[in-house]
Amino acid sequence: MTKTDLVEVVAGKGKISKAAALEAVDALTDVIAGAMKKGDKVTLVGFGTFVVAKRAARNGVNPQTRQKIKIKASKAPRFKAGKALKDAVNK
């Protein structure tokens, strides 16, 4: 499902225009991204939790040159599915 598909479904289920549904979808993703950027976790009960995971610095190898490189520490977004979502997927 693409963002366009999601907007169409939200517009249909919410009985709103596609423009309003697009604003709602964009607002939701902006709020989640903004909270995660600040380091907060976002929990949607039953659906899941969005968190920021910290990855430690580590050594790696360039596969083309076999040269050892240092990989900097970084942060990565993670999603942990909630029970209701897991149950819905497994039915």
PDB file of N, CA and C in Angstrom:
ATOM      1  N   MET A   1       0.847  -1.173   0.000  1.00  0.00           N
ATOM      2  CA  MET A   1       0.000   0.000   0.000  1.00  0.00           C
ATOM      3  C   MET A   1       0.896   1.242   0.000  1.00  0.00           C
ATOM      4  N   THR A   2       0.618   2.149  -0.887  1.00  0.00           N
ATOM      5  CA  THR A   2       1.370   3.393  -0.978  1.00  0.00           C
ATOM      6  C   THR A   2       0.663   4.485  -0.178  1.00  0.00           C
ATOM      7  N   LYS A   3       1.319   5.629  -0.064  1.00  0.00           N
ATOM      8  CA  LYS A   3       0.709   6.757   0.641  1.00  0.00           C
ATOM      9  C   LYS A   3      -0.589   7.179  -0.055  1.00  0.00           C
ATOM     10  N   THR A   4      -0.592   7.177  -1.374  1.00  0.00           N
ATOM     11  CA  THR A   4      -1.793   7.538  -2.129  1.00  0.00           C
ATOM     12  C   THR A   4      -2.936   6.576  -1.825  1.00  0.00           C
ATOM     13  N   ASP A   5      -2.625   5.280  -1.779  1.00  0.00           N
ATOM     14  CA  ASP A   5      -3.640   4.278  -1.435  1.00  0.00           C
ATOM     15  C   ASP A   5      -4.176   4.516  -0.025  1.00  0.00           C
ATOM     16  N   LEU A   6      -3.275   4.812   0.901  1.00  0.00           N
ATOM     17  CA  LEU A   6      -3.669   5.063   2.285  1.00  0.00           C
ATOM     18  C   LEU A   6      -4.594   6.273   2.379  1.00  0.00           C
ATOM     19  N   VAL A   7      -4.259   7.331   1.657  1.00  0.00           N
ATOM     20  CA  VAL A   7      -5.093   8.534   1.657  1.00  0.00           C
ATOM     21  C   VAL A   7      -6.487   8.217   1.128  1.00  0.00           C
ATOM     22  N   GLU A   8      -6.584   7.429   0.070  1.00  0.00           N
ATOM     23  CA  GLU A   8      -7.880   7.058  -0.489  1.00  0.00           C
ATOM     24  C   GLU A   8      -8.718   6.267   0.510  1.00  0.00           C
ATOM     25  N   VAL A   9      -8.084   5.332   1.216  1.00  0.00           N
ATOM     26  CA  VAL A   9      -8.813   4.522   2.197  1.00  0.00           C
ATOM     27  C   VAL A   9      -9.267   5.388   3.369  1.00  0.00           C
ATOM     28  N   VAL A  10      -8.398   6.275   3.848  1.00  0.00           N
ATOM     29  CA  VAL A  10      -8.763   7.161   4.957  1.00  0.00           C
ATOM     30  C   VAL A  10      -9.913   8.076   4.537  1.00  0.00           C
ATOM     31  N   ALA A  11      -9.851   8.595   3.326  1.00  0.00           N
ATOM     32  CA  ALA A  11     -10.922   9.462   2.826  1.00  0.00           C
ATOM     33  C   ALA A  11     -12.243   8.700   2.775  1.00  0.00           C
ATOM     34  N   GLY A  12     -12.204   7.471   2.314  1.00  0.00           N
ATOM     35  CA  GLY A  12     -13.424   6.665   2.221  1.00  0.00           C
ATOM     36  C   GLY A  12     -13.988   6.283   3.572  1.00  0.00           C
ATOM     37  N   LYS A  13     -13.121   5.814   4.477  1.00  0.00           N
ATOM     38  CA  LYS A  13     -13.600   5.387   5.797  1.00  0.00           C
ATOM     39  C   LYS A  13     -14.018   6.569   6.652  1.00  0.00           C
ATOM     40  N   GLY A  14     -13.338   7.695   6.497  1.00  0.00           N
ATOM     41  CA  GLY A  14     -13.666   8.869   7.293  1.00  0.00           C
ATOM     42  C   GLY A  14     -14.724   9.747   6.672  1.00  0.00           C
ATOM     43  N   LYS A  15     -15.114   9.384   5.452  1.00  0.00           N
ATOM     44  CA  LYS A  15     -16.108  10.160   4.704  1.00  0.00           C
ATOM     45  C   LYS A  15     -15.702  11.636   4.617  1.00  0.00           C
ATOM     46  N   ILE A  16     -14.428  11.836   4.256  1.00  0.00           N
ATOM     47  CA  ILE A  16     -13.882  13.178   4.081  1.00  0.00           C
ATOM     48  C   ILE A  16     -13.239  13.263   2.700  1.00  0.00           C
ATOM     49  N   SER A  17     -12.868  14.459   2.293  1.00  0.00           N
ATOM     50  CA  SER A  17     -12.239  14.624   0.983  1.00  0.00           C
ATOM     51  C   SER A  17     -10.823  14.054   0.999  1.00  0.00           C
ATOM     52  N   LYS A  18     -10.318  13.770  -0.195  1.00  0.00           N
ATOM     53  CA  LYS A  18      -8.952  13.258  -0.297  1.00  0.00           C
ATOM     54  C   LYS A  18      -7.953  14.295   0.192  1.00  0.00           C
ATOM     55  N   ALA A  19      -8.239  15.579  -0.037  1.00  0.00           N
ATOM     56  CA  ALA A  19      -7.338  16.638   0.423  1.00  0.00           C
ATOM     57  C   ALA A  19      -7.265  16.654   1.947  1.00  0.00           C
ATOM     58  N   ALA A  20      -8.413  16.502   2.617  1.00  0.00           N
ATOM     59  CA  ALA A  20      -8.437  16.472   4.076  1.00  0.00           C
ATOM     60  C   ALA A  20      -7.743  15.210   4.601  1.00  0.00           C
ATOM     61  N   ALA A  21      -7.938  14.092   3.920  1.00  0.00           N
ATOM     62  CA  ALA A  21      -7.286  12.846   4.322  1.00  0.00           C
ATOM     63  C   ALA A  21      -5.775  12.959   4.158  1.00  0.00           C
ATOM     64  N   LEU A  22      -5.326  13.600   3.073  1.00  0.00           N
ATOM     65  CA  LEU A  22      -3.889  13.805   2.863  1.00  0.00           C
ATOM     66  C   LEU A  22      -3.305  14.662   3.981  1.00  0.00           C
ATOM     67  N   GLU A  23      -4.016  15.714   4.375  1.00  0.00           N
ATOM     68  CA  GLU A  23      -3.559  16.559   5.480  1.00  0.00           C
ATOM     69  C   GLU A  23      -3.467  15.757   6.774  1.00  0.00           C
ATOM     70  N   ALA A  24      -4.436  14.896   7.014  1.00  0.00           N
ATOM     71  CA  ALA A  24      -4.447  14.084   8.228  1.00  0.00           C
ATOM     72  C   ALA A  24      -3.282  13.099   8.240  1.00  0.00           C
ATOM     73  N   VAL A  25      -3.055  12.436   7.127  1.00  0.00           N
ATOM     74  CA  VAL A  25      -1.953  11.466   7.038  1.00  0.00           C
ATOM     75  C   VAL A  25      -0.613  12.187   7.193  1.00  0.00           C
ATOM     76  N   ASP A  26      -0.460  13.326   6.522  1.00  0.00           N
ATOM     77  CA  ASP A  26       0.779  14.098   6.635  1.00  0.00           C
ATOM     78  C   ASP A  26       0.993  14.597   8.064  1.00  0.00           C
ATOM     79  N   ALA A  27      -0.079  15.052   8.706  1.00  0.00           N
ATOM     80  CA  ALA A  27       0.028  15.535  10.083  1.00  0.00           C
ATOM     81  C   ALA A  27       0.459  14.408  11.013  1.00  0.00           C
ATOM     82  N   LEU A  28      -0.111  13.235  10.840  1.00  0.00           N
ATOM     83  CA  LEU A  28       0.242  12.089  11.677  1.00  0.00           C
ATOM     84  C   LEU A  28       1.714  11.731  11.520  1.00  0.00           C
ATOM     85  N   THR A  29       2.185  11.626  10.283  1.00  0.00           N
ATOM     86  CA  THR A  29       3.587  11.262  10.068  1.00  0.00           C
ATOM     87  C   THR A  29       4.527  12.355  10.569  1.00  0.00           C
ATOM     88  N   ASP A  30       4.140  13.627  10.421  1.00  0.00           N
ATOM     89  CA  ASP A  30       4.969  14.728  10.916  1.00  0.00           C
ATOM     90  C   ASP A  30       5.076  14.702  12.436  1.00  0.00           C
ATOM     91  N   VAL A  31       3.960  14.445  13.109  1.00  0.00           N
ATOM     92  CA  VAL A  31       3.960  14.406  14.568  1.00  0.00           C
ATOM     93  C   VAL A  31       4.817  13.246  15.068  1.00  0.00           C
ATOM     94  N   ILE A  32       4.668  12.085  14.461  1.00  0.00           N
ATOM     95  CA  ILE A  32       5.460  10.922  14.878  1.00  0.00           C
ATOM     96  C   ILE A  32       6.946  11.186  14.638  1.00  0.00           C
ATOM     97  N   ALA A  33       7.299  11.695  13.461  1.00  0.00           N
ATOM     98  CA  ALA A  33       8.704  11.981  13.148  1.00  0.00           C
ATOM     99  C   ALA A  33       9.273  13.042  14.089  1.00  0.00           C
ATOM    100  N   GLY A  34       8.492  14.073  14.379  1.00  0.00           N
ATOM    101  CA  GLY A  34       8.955  15.127  15.276  1.00  0.00           C
ATOM    102  C   GLY A  34       9.214  14.625  16.679  1.00  0.00           C
ATOM    103  N   ALA A  35       8.319  13.792  17.182  1.00  0.00           N
ATOM    104  CA  ALA A  35       8.499  13.232  18.518  1.00  0.00           C
ATOM    105  C   ALA A  35       9.731  12.333  18.568  1.00  0.00           C
ATOM    106  N   MET A  36       9.919  11.529  17.533  1.00  0.00           N
ATOM    107  CA  MET A  36      11.076  10.634  17.501  1.00  0.00           C
ATOM    108  C   MET A  36      12.370  11.424  17.363  1.00  0.00           C
ATOM    109  N   LYS A  37      12.330  12.525  16.626  1.00  0.00           N
ATOM    110  CA  LYS A  37      13.519  13.364  16.467  1.00  0.00           C
ATOM    111  C   LYS A  37      13.976  13.905  17.822  1.00  0.00           C
ATOM    112  N   LYS A  38      12.994  14.189  18.714  1.00  0.00           N
ATOM    113  CA  LYS A  38      13.311  14.665  20.055  1.00  0.00           C
ATOM    114  C   LYS A  38      13.725  13.519  20.984  1.00  0.00           C
ATOM    115  N   GLY A  39      13.600  12.293  20.515  1.00  0.00           N
ATOM    116  CA  GLY A  39      13.968  11.138  21.331  1.00  0.00           C
ATOM    117  C   GLY A  39      12.808  10.517  22.076  1.00  0.00           C
ATOM    118  N   ASP A  40      11.592  11.039  21.852  1.00  0.00           N
ATOM    119  CA  ASP A  40      10.408  10.487  22.520  1.00  0.00           C
ATOM    120  C   ASP A  40       9.939   9.226  21.814  1.00  0.00           C
ATOM    121  N   LYS A  41       9.208   8.391  22.559  1.00  0.00           N
ATOM    122  CA  LYS A  41       8.570   7.253  21.913  1.00  0.00           C
ATOM    123  C   LYS A  41       7.101   7.581  21.719  1.00  0.00           C
ATOM    124  N   VAL A  42       6.521   7.042  20.672  1.00  0.00           N
ATOM    125  CA  VAL A  42       5.121   7.284  20.352  1.00  0.00           C
ATOM    126  C   VAL A  42       4.392   5.953  20.432  1.00  0.00           C
ATOM    127  N   THR A  43       3.397   5.883  21.327  1.00  0.00           N
ATOM    128  CA  THR A  43       2.646   4.650  21.525  1.00  0.00           C
ATOM    129  C   THR A  43       1.204   4.846  21.075  1.00  0.00           C
ATOM    130  N   LEU A  44       0.774   4.007  20.161  1.00  0.00           N
ATOM    131  CA  LEU A  44      -0.617   3.964  19.733  1.00  0.00           C
ATOM    132  C   LEU A  44      -1.157   2.642  20.271  1.00  0.00           C
ATOM    133  N   VAL A  45      -1.907   2.716  21.363  1.00  0.00           N
ATOM    134  CA  VAL A  45      -2.353   1.522  22.074  1.00  0.00           C
ATOM    135  C   VAL A  45      -3.062   0.567  21.120  1.00  0.00           C
ATOM    136  N   GLY A  46      -2.629  -0.675  21.146  1.00  0.00           N
ATOM    137  CA  GLY A  46      -3.198  -1.705  20.282  1.00  0.00           C
ATOM    138  C   GLY A  46      -2.509  -1.798  18.936  1.00  0.00           C
ATOM    139  N   PHE A  47      -1.970  -0.690  18.454  1.00  0.00           N
ATOM    140  CA  PHE A  47      -1.313  -0.690  17.145  1.00  0.00           C
ATOM    141  C   PHE A  47       0.174  -0.960  17.282  1.00  0.00           C
ATOM    142  N   GLY A  48       0.850  -0.152  18.092  1.00  0.00           N
ATOM    143  CA  GLY A  48       2.264  -0.370  18.280  1.00  0.00           C
ATOM    144  C   GLY A  48       2.979   0.855  18.816  1.00  0.00           C
ATOM    145  N   THR A  49       4.300   0.737  18.926  1.00  0.00           N
ATOM    146  CA  THR A  49       5.131   1.796  19.485  1.00  0.00           C
ATOM    147  C   THR A  49       6.275   2.112  18.531  1.00  0.00           C
ATOM    148  N   PHE A  50       6.468   3.400  18.299  1.00  0.00           N
ATOM    149  CA  PHE A  50       7.592   3.887  17.507  1.00  0.00           C
ATOM    150  C   PHE A  50       8.650   4.376  18.486  1.00  0.00           C
ATOM    151  N   VAL A  51       9.880   3.881  18.359  1.00  0.00           N
ATOM    152  CA  VAL A  51      10.974   4.276  19.252  1.00  0.00           C
ATOM    153  C   VAL A  51      12.224   4.578  18.440  1.00  0.00           C
ATOM    154  N   VAL A  52      13.164   5.256  19.095  1.00  0.00           N
ATOM    155  CA  VAL A  52      14.456   5.523  18.483  1.00  0.00           C
ATOM    156  C   VAL A  52      15.471   4.597  19.137  1.00  0.00           C
ATOM    157  N   ALA A  53      16.133   3.777  18.339  1.00  0.00           N
ATOM    158  CA  ALA A  53      17.151   2.863  18.839  1.00  0.00           C
ATOM    159  C   ALA A  53      18.519   3.476  18.580  1.00  0.00           C
ATOM    160  N   LYS A  54      19.403   3.343  19.552  1.00  0.00           N
ATOM    161  CA  LYS A  54      20.762   3.858  19.403  1.00  0.00           C
ATOM    162  C   LYS A  54      21.668   2.707  18.994  1.00  0.00           C
ATOM    163  N   ARG A  55      22.441   2.955  17.949  1.00  0.00           N
ATOM    164  CA  ARG A  55      23.407   1.955  17.496  1.00  0.00           C
ATOM    165  C   ARG A  55      24.800   2.439  17.871  1.00  0.00           C
ATOM    166  N   ALA A  56      25.564   1.605  18.505  1.00  0.00           N
ATOM    167  CA  ALA A  56      26.907   1.962  18.946  1.00  0.00           C
ATOM    168  C   ALA A  56      27.859   2.027  17.755  1.00  0.00           C
ATOM    169  N   ALA A  57      28.940   2.762  17.947  1.00  0.00           N
ATOM    170  CA  ALA A  57      29.988   2.801  16.924  1.00  0.00           C
ATOM    171  C   ALA A  57      30.596   1.401  16.828  1.00  0.00           C
ATOM    172  N   ARG A  58      31.024   1.048  15.633  1.00  0.00           N
ATOM    173  CA  ARG A  58      31.592  -0.289  15.450  1.00  0.00           C
ATOM    174  C   ARG A  58      32.562  -0.295  14.281  1.00  0.00           C
ATOM    175  N   ASN A  59      33.304  -1.363  14.178  1.00  0.00           N
ATOM    176  CA  ASN A  59      34.233  -1.526  13.059  1.00  0.00           C
ATOM    177  C   ASN A  59      33.542  -2.314  11.967  1.00  0.00           C
ATOM    178  N   GLY A  60      33.862  -1.977  10.731  1.00  0.00           N
ATOM    179  CA  GLY A  60      33.299  -2.678   9.590  1.00  0.00           C
ATOM    180  C   GLY A  60      34.362  -2.895   8.536  1.00  0.00           C
ATOM    181  N   VAL A  61      33.968  -3.509   7.430  1.00  0.00           N
ATOM    182  CA  VAL A  61      34.894  -3.784   6.338  1.00  0.00           C
ATOM    183  C   VAL A  61      34.233  -3.357   5.034  1.00  0.00           C
ATOM    184  N   ASN A  62      34.962  -2.583   4.232  1.00  0.00           N
ATOM    185  CA  ASN A  62      34.491  -2.205   2.906  1.00  0.00           C
ATOM    186  C   ASN A  62      34.558  -3.466   2.039  1.00  0.00           C
ATOM    187  N   PRO A  63      33.417  -3.948   1.519  1.00  0.00           N
ATOM    188  CA  PRO A  63      33.427  -5.208   0.777  1.00  0.00           C
ATOM    189  C   PRO A  63      34.205  -5.149  -0.540  1.00  0.00           C
ATOM    190  N   GLN A  64      34.374  -3.965  -1.119  1.00  0.00           N
ATOM    191  CA  GLN A  64      35.110  -3.865  -2.380  1.00  0.00           C
ATOM    192  C   GLN A  64      36.620  -3.895  -2.168  1.00  0.00           C
ATOM    193  N   THR A  65      37.086  -3.170  -1.141  1.00  0.00           N
ATOM    194  CA  THR A  65      38.529  -3.038  -0.941  1.00  0.00           C
ATOM    195  C   THR A  65      39.055  -3.875   0.215  1.00  0.00           C
ATOM    196  N   ARG A  66      38.158  -4.438   1.002  1.00  0.00           N
ATOM    197  CA  ARG A  66      38.504  -5.198   2.211  1.00  0.00           C
ATOM    198  C   ARG A  66      39.221  -4.330   3.253  1.00  0.00           C
ATOM    199  N   GLN A  67      39.110  -3.024   3.092  1.00  0.00           N
ATOM    200  CA  GLN A  67      39.728  -2.102   4.027  1.00  0.00           C
ATOM    201  C   GLN A  67      38.836  -1.953   5.256  1.00  0.00           C
ATOM    202  N   LYS A  68      39.460  -1.929   6.445  1.00  0.00           N
ATOM    203  CA  LYS A  68      38.701  -1.765   7.675  1.00  0.00           C
ATOM    204  C   LYS A  68      38.278  -0.302   7.793  1.00  0.00           C
ATOM    205  N   ILE A  69      37.029  -0.098   8.225  1.00  0.00           N
ATOM    206  CA  ILE A  69      36.516   1.254   8.406  1.00  0.00           C
ATOM    207  C   ILE A  69      35.819   1.343   9.760  1.00  0.00           C
ATOM    208  N   LYS A  70      35.718   2.569  10.261  1.00  0.00           N
ATOM    209  CA  LYS A  70      34.992   2.795  11.504  1.00  0.00           C
ATOM    210  C   LYS A  70      33.622   3.349  11.140  1.00  0.00           C
ATOM    211  N   ILE A  71      32.587   2.733  11.690  1.00  0.00           N
ATOM    212  CA  ILE A  71      31.216   3.164  11.459  1.00  0.00           C
ATOM    213  C   ILE A  71      30.783   3.947  12.691  1.00  0.00           C
ATOM    214  N   LYS A  72      30.336   5.186  12.478  1.00  0.00           N
ATOM    215  CA  LYS A  72      29.943   6.063  13.586  1.00  0.00           C
ATOM    216  C   LYS A  72      28.682   5.556  14.273  1.00  0.00           C
ATOM    217  N   ALA A  73      28.518   5.968  15.516  1.00  0.00           N
ATOM    218  CA  ALA A  73      27.279   5.681  16.240  1.00  0.00           C
ATOM    219  C   ALA A  73      26.136   6.410  15.540  1.00  0.00           C
ATOM    220  N   SER A  74      24.952   5.824  15.568  1.00  0.00           N
ATOM    221  CA  SER A  74      23.810   6.442  14.896  1.00  0.00           C
ATOM    222  C   SER A  74      22.519   6.077  15.627  1.00  0.00           C
ATOM    223  N   LYS A  75      21.450   6.711  15.193  1.00  0.00           N
ATOM    224  CA  LYS A  75      20.124   6.417  15.722  1.00  0.00           C
ATOM    225  C   LYS A  75      19.281   5.888  14.573  1.00  0.00           C
ATOM    226  N   ALA A  76      18.373   4.965  14.886  1.00  0.00           N
ATOM    227  CA  ALA A  76      17.520   4.384  13.853  1.00  0.00           C
ATOM    228  C   ALA A  76      16.097   4.252  14.374  1.00  0.00           C
ATOM    229  N   PRO A  77      15.109   4.562  13.532  1.00  0.00           N
ATOM    230  CA  PRO A  77      13.715   4.392  13.965  1.00  0.00           C
ATOM    231  C   PRO A  77      13.347   2.913  14.009  1.00  0.00           C
ATOM    232  N   ARG A  78      12.565   2.554  15.009  1.00  0.00           N
ATOM    233  CA  ARG A  78      12.104   1.175  15.153  1.00  0.00           C
ATOM    234  C   ARG A  78      10.607   1.196  15.440  1.00  0.00           C
ATOM    235  N   PHE A  79       9.945   0.117  15.055  1.00  0.00           N
ATOM    236  CA  PHE A  79       8.520  -0.042  15.336  1.00  0.00           C
ATOM    237  C   PHE A  79       8.307  -1.395  15.975  1.00  0.00           C
ATOM    238  N   LYS A  80       7.597  -1.398  17.097  1.00  0.00           N
ATOM    239  CA  LYS A  80       7.244  -2.643  17.768  1.00  0.00           C
ATOM    240  C   LYS A  80       5.732  -2.770  17.705  1.00  0.00           C
ATOM    241  N   ALA A  81       5.251  -3.791  17.028  1.00  0.00           N
ATOM    242  CA  ALA A  81       3.812  -3.986  16.844  1.00  0.00           C
ATOM    243  C   ALA A  81       3.137  -4.318  18.166  1.00  0.00           C
ATOM    244  N   GLY A  82       1.921  -3.782  18.346  1.00  0.00           N
ATOM    245  CA  GLY A  82       1.121  -4.060  19.528  1.00  0.00           C
ATOM    246  C   GLY A  82       0.359  -5.367  19.384  1.00  0.00           C
ATOM    247  N   LYS A  83      -0.210  -5.817  20.478  1.00  0.00           N
ATOM    248  CA  LYS A  83      -0.910  -7.102  20.491  1.00  0.00           C
ATOM    249  C   LYS A  83      -2.081  -7.133  19.514  1.00  0.00           C
ATOM    250  N   ALA A  84      -2.877  -6.085  19.473  1.00  0.00           N
ATOM    251  CA  ALA A  84      -4.040  -6.076  18.590  1.00  0.00           C
ATOM    252  C   ALA A  84      -3.614  -6.166  17.132  1.00  0.00           C
ATOM    253  N   LEU A  85      -2.542  -5.496  16.753  1.00  0.00           N
ATOM    254  CA  LEU A  85      -2.045  -5.551  15.373  1.00  0.00           C
ATOM    255  C   LEU A  85      -1.513  -6.951  15.071  1.00  0.00           C
ATOM    256  N   LYS A  86      -0.773  -7.525  15.992  1.00  0.00           N
ATOM    257  CA  LYS A  86      -0.261  -8.877  15.797  1.00  0.00           C
ATOM    258  C   LYS A  86      -1.394  -9.878  15.623  1.00  0.00           C
ATOM    259  N   ASP A  87      -2.421  -9.733  16.463  1.00  0.00           N
ATOM    260  CA  ASP A  87      -3.576 -10.633  16.374  1.00  0.00           C
ATOM    261  C   ASP A  87      -4.304 -10.474  15.050  1.00  0.00           C
ATOM    262  N   ALA A  88      -4.447  -9.229  14.580  1.00  0.00           N
ATOM    263  CA  ALA A  88      -5.134  -8.977  13.304  1.00  0.00           C
ATOM    264  C   ALA A  88      -4.371  -9.570  12.127  1.00  0.00           C
ATOM    265  N   VAL A  89      -3.058  -9.497  12.185  1.00  0.00           N
ATOM    266  CA  VAL A  89      -2.228 -10.033  11.102  1.00  0.00           C
ATOM    267  C   VAL A  89      -2.250 -11.560  11.085  1.00  0.00           C
ATOM    268  N   ASN A  90      -2.342 -12.155  12.252  1.00  0.00           N
ATOM    269  CA  ASN A  90      -2.270 -13.613  12.363  1.00  0.00           C
ATOM    270  C   ASN A  90      -3.619 -14.313  12.260  1.00  0.00           C
ATOM    271  N   LYS A  91      -4.701 -13.608  11.988  1.00  0.00           N
ATOM    272  CA  LYS A  91      -6.010 -14.264  11.864  1.00  0.00           C
ATOM    273  C   LYS A  91      -6.192 -14.819  10.487  1.00  0.00           C
TER     274      LYS A  91
END
